Amino acid sequence: MGFFRGMSFPLASITIYNSVVFGFFSNAQRLISQHRHGDGRHPCGMADLAAASMLTGLMSVGLGTPVDLVKIRLQLQTQMVLADVDGE
């Protein structure tokens, strides 16, 4: 049971993160297709997919980096507290 303790927040947050990323990718594809072809339902070519993927990657990094930074700082803070307790 101890292994799974604290796993609820990461599992919930990664679910939300993935849904936002895939939603952004879908909207980026639709926007690029509408801009290039005049119809949002037109099938995307490789260049369109590459552009949508790059935009999604930029958004993903911008969204994921601050969350990961907070998680790492909290982990380090917890490790320092545990080291202080062990050192006494």
Protein backbone atom coordinates (compact mmCIF):
# COMPACT_ATOMS: atom_id res chain seq x y z
CA MET A 1 0.00 0.00 0.00
CA GLY A 2 2.87 2.38 0.72
CA PHE A 3 4.02 2.24 -2.89
CA PHE A 4 0.72 3.66 -4.15
CA ARG A 5 0.47 6.37 -1.50
CA GLY A 6 0.53 9.80 -3.11
CA MET A 7 -0.25 8.49 -6.59
CA SER A 8 -3.76 9.96 -6.87
CA PHE A 9 -2.65 13.51 -7.69
CA PRO A 10 -0.11 12.52 -10.38
CA LEU A 11 -2.61 10.17 -12.03
CA ALA A 12 -5.35 12.79 -12.00
CA SER A 13 -3.06 15.55 -13.23
CA ILE A 14 -1.60 13.48 -16.09
CA THR A 15 -5.14 12.66 -17.22
CA ILE A 16 -6.06 16.33 -17.37
CA TYR A 17 -2.72 17.20 -18.98
CA ASN A 18 -3.16 14.58 -21.73
CA SER A 19 -6.72 15.67 -22.47
CA VAL A 20 -5.60 19.30 -22.83
CA VAL A 21 -2.68 18.34 -25.09
CA PHE A 22 -4.77 16.13 -27.38
CA GLY A 23 -7.55 18.72 -27.49
CA PHE A 24 -5.05 21.41 -28.44
CA PHE A 25 -3.60 19.16 -31.16
CA SER A 26 -7.03 18.52 -32.64
CA ASN A 27 -7.90 22.22 -32.61
CA ALA A 28 -4.51 23.12 -34.12
CA GLN A 29 -5.08 20.64 -36.95
CA ARG A 30 -8.53 22.06 -37.60
CA LEU A 31 -7.27 25.66 -37.53
CA ILE A 32 -4.37 24.94 -39.90
CA SER A 33 -6.63 23.01 -42.28
CA GLN A 34 -9.18 25.81 -42.24
CA HIS A 35 -6.48 28.41 -42.88
CA ARG A 36 -4.79 26.49 -45.71
CA HIS A 37 -7.77 24.85 -47.40
CA GLY A 38 -10.75 26.92 -46.29
CA ASP A 39 -12.38 23.89 -44.67
CA GLY A 40 -11.66 22.61 -41.15
CA ARG A 41 -12.63 19.05 -42.10
CA HIS A 42 -10.16 18.77 -45.01
CA PRO A 43 -7.65 15.93 -44.46
CA CYS A 44 -4.30 17.20 -43.20
CA GLY A 45 -1.09 16.60 -45.10
CA MET A 46 2.28 15.85 -43.52
CA ALA A 47 3.26 19.53 -43.36
CA ASP A 48 -0.02 20.34 -41.59
CA LEU A 49 0.52 17.53 -39.08
CA ALA A 50 4.10 18.65 -38.47
CA ALA A 51 2.98 22.24 -37.84
CA ALA A 52 0.18 21.11 -35.49
CA SER A 53 2.65 18.85 -33.66
CA MET A 54 5.16 21.67 -33.21
CA LEU A 55 2.52 24.02 -31.86
CA THR A 56 1.28 21.31 -29.51
CA GLY A 57 4.84 20.63 -28.33
CA LEU A 58 5.35 24.29 -27.50
CA MET A 59 2.10 24.39 -25.56
CA SER A 60 2.96 21.12 -23.82
CA VAL A 61 6.33 22.39 -22.64
CA GLY A 62 4.80 25.65 -21.48
CA LEU A 63 2.14 23.80 -19.52
CA GLY A 64 4.23 20.91 -18.20
CA THR A 65 7.42 22.68 -17.12
CA PRO A 66 5.96 24.72 -14.23
CA VAL A 67 4.05 21.68 -12.93
CA ASP A 68 7.19 19.52 -13.01
CA LEU A 69 9.21 22.26 -11.32
CA VAL A 70 6.73 22.43 -8.45
CA LYS A 71 6.71 18.62 -8.11
CA ILE A 72 10.53 18.49 -8.02
CA ARG A 73 10.74 21.26 -5.41
CA LEU A 74 8.17 19.50 -3.23
CA GLN A 75 10.08 16.22 -3.55
CA LEU A 76 13.34 17.92 -2.56
CA GLN A 77 11.64 19.65 0.36
CA THR A 78 10.27 16.30 1.58
CA GLN A 79 13.69 14.67 1.21
CA MET A 80 15.31 17.47 3.24
CA VAL A 81 12.75 17.05 6.03
CA LEU A 82 13.33 13.30 6.08
CA ALA A 83 17.11 13.85 6.16
CA ASP A 84 16.73 16.22 9.12
CA VAL A 85 14.63 13.66 11.00
CA ASP A 86 17.15 10.88 10.29
CA GLY A 87 20.07 13.12 11.31
CA GLU A 88 18.70 13.86 14.78
